[in-house]
Protein backbone atom coordinates (compact mmCIF):
# COMPACT_ATOMS: atom_id res chain seq x y z
CA UNK A 1 23.66 1.93 1.78
CA UNK A 2 21.63 1.32 4.93
CA UNK A 3 18.49 -0.73 5.27
CA UNK A 4 15.63 0.01 7.59
CA UNK A 5 12.33 -1.73 8.20
CA UNK A 6 9.17 0.34 8.12
CA UNK A 7 6.00 -1.42 9.24
CA UNK A 8 2.48 -0.91 7.97
CA UNK A 9 -1.04 -2.20 8.37
CA UNK A 10 -2.86 -2.37 5.05
CA UNK A 11 -6.58 -2.91 4.70
CA UNK A 12 -6.83 -3.82 1.06
CA UNK A 13 -5.41 -6.38 -1.33
CA UNK A 14 -2.04 -7.80 -2.32
CA UNK A 15 -0.66 -8.26 -5.83
CA UNK A 16 2.29 -10.30 -7.07
CA UNK A 17 5.37 -9.34 -9.03
CA UNK A 18 3.56 -9.53 -12.39
CA UNK A 19 1.22 -6.73 -11.33
CA UNK A 20 4.12 -4.74 -9.84
CA UNK A 21 6.14 -4.98 -13.05
CA UNK A 22 3.21 -3.73 -15.13
CA UNK A 23 2.53 -0.99 -12.58
CA UNK A 24 6.01 0.50 -12.93
CA UNK A 25 5.70 0.50 -16.75
CA UNK A 26 2.38 2.31 -17.01
CA UNK A 27 2.19 5.54 -18.98
CA UNK A 28 0.38 7.29 -16.13
CA UNK A 29 3.10 6.32 -13.66
CA UNK A 30 3.46 9.94 -12.45
CA UNK A 31 -0.11 9.92 -11.15
CA UNK A 32 0.32 6.54 -9.51
CA UNK A 33 3.66 7.57 -8.01
CA UNK A 34 1.84 10.16 -5.89
CA UNK A 35 -0.29 7.33 -4.44
CA UNK A 36 2.84 5.26 -3.80
CA UNK A 37 5.03 7.86 -2.13
CA UNK A 38 2.26 9.75 -0.33
CA UNK A 39 3.38 13.02 -1.91
CA UNK A 40 -0.10 14.49 -1.48
CA UNK A 41 -1.16 12.83 1.79
CA UNK A 42 -3.14 10.16 -0.03
CA UNK A 43 -1.13 6.93 -0.01
CA UNK A 44 -2.92 3.96 -1.59
CA UNK A 45 0.01 1.87 -2.85
CA UNK A 46 2.84 0.13 -1.03
CA UNK A 47 5.26 -1.61 -3.35
CA UNK A 48 8.58 -3.42 -3.18
CA UNK A 49 10.71 -1.15 -5.32
CA UNK A 50 13.85 -3.30 -5.03
CA UNK A 51 12.71 -6.72 -6.25
CA UNK A 52 9.10 -5.98 -7.19
CA UNK A 53 7.80 -8.99 -5.26
CA UNK A 54 4.66 -7.30 -3.98
CA UNK A 55 2.31 -4.36 -4.25
CA UNK A 56 -0.46 -3.62 -1.75
CA UNK A 57 -3.42 -1.41 -2.60
CA UNK A 58 -5.79 -0.02 -0.02
CA UNK A 59 -5.93 2.00 3.17
CA UNK A 60 -2.36 2.15 4.46
CA UNK A 61 -1.39 2.99 8.03
CA UNK A 62 2.30 3.43 8.86
CA UNK A 63 3.22 1.94 12.23
CA UNK A 64 6.93 2.78 12.27
CA UNK A 65 9.43 4.60 10.11
CA UNK A 66 12.30 2.21 10.66
CA UNK A 67 14.06 4.42 13.19
CA UNK A 68 11.64 4.43 16.11
CA UNK A 69 10.95 0.71 16.44
CA UNK A 70 11.92 0.66 20.11
CA UNK A 71 9.27 3.19 21.06
CA UNK A 72 6.06 1.87 22.55
CA UNK A 73 3.03 3.83 21.54
CA UNK A 74 -0.68 3.58 21.32
CA UNK A 75 -2.34 3.51 17.92
CA UNK A 76 -5.98 4.10 17.20
CA UNK A 77 -7.29 1.05 15.41
CA UNK A 78 -10.89 0.62 14.38
CA UNK A 79 -12.39 -2.37 12.63
CA UNK A 80 -12.73 -1.81 8.88
CA UNK A 81 -16.19 -0.81 7.67
CA UNK A 82 -18.23 -1.68 4.60
CA UNK A 83 -17.85 1.96 3.54
CA UNK A 84 -14.04 1.63 3.57
CA UNK A 85 -14.26 -1.58 1.53
CA UNK A 86 -16.38 0.20 -1.08
CA UNK A 87 -13.95 3.14 -1.09
CA UNK A 88 -11.10 0.72 -1.89
CA UNK A 89 -13.11 -0.81 -4.75
CA UNK A 90 -14.00 2.61 -6.15
CA UNK A 91 -10.44 3.96 -5.95
CA UNK A 92 -9.11 0.77 -7.57
CA UNK A 93 -11.57 0.97 -10.49
CA UNK A 94 -10.65 4.64 -10.94
CA UNK A 95 -7.00 3.76 -11.58
CA UNK A 96 -7.06 0.16 -12.84
CA UNK A 97 -10.38 -0.17 -14.63
CA UNK A 98 -11.78 -3.66 -14.93
CA UNK A 99 -8.74 -5.46 -13.55
CA UNK A 100 -9.86 -8.12 -11.07
CA UNK A 101 -9.55 -6.93 -7.49
CA UNK A 102 -8.32 -9.69 -5.14
CA UNK A 103 -9.90 -10.34 -1.76
CA UNK A 104 -9.83 -7.28 0.52
CA UNK A 105 -8.39 -8.17 3.90
CA UNK A 106 -6.01 -6.92 6.60
CA UNK A 107 -2.21 -7.23 6.19
CA UNK A 108 0.73 -6.57 8.50
CA UNK A 109 3.61 -5.56 6.21
CA UNK A 110 7.30 -5.27 7.10
CA UNK A 111 8.66 -3.07 4.30
CA UNK A 112 12.41 -2.66 3.82
CA UNK A 113 13.81 0.57 2.40
């Protein structure tokens, strides 16, 4: 089994392993899985599926796929807006109800697959 490192920028929030464990046990997991694996072009979750140490929720931008790390390229990066922050809050409430949303901030995430 090989390992590769994908890298992401996430504008959103980070959850610990307790949240991740509960996430994988939810009855509506099929719906959430689409947000995790980007099966419909709408990725909102990034989660450590091996050890469950983290889950990120928010606007996720993939920087590399683990195979092209030596390529230099330009990415379009704009400062997050208040509208994006509200979109994150709305999308979170839609799927997680009244669960407390941690601070929304920017993350650089090395993600091993």
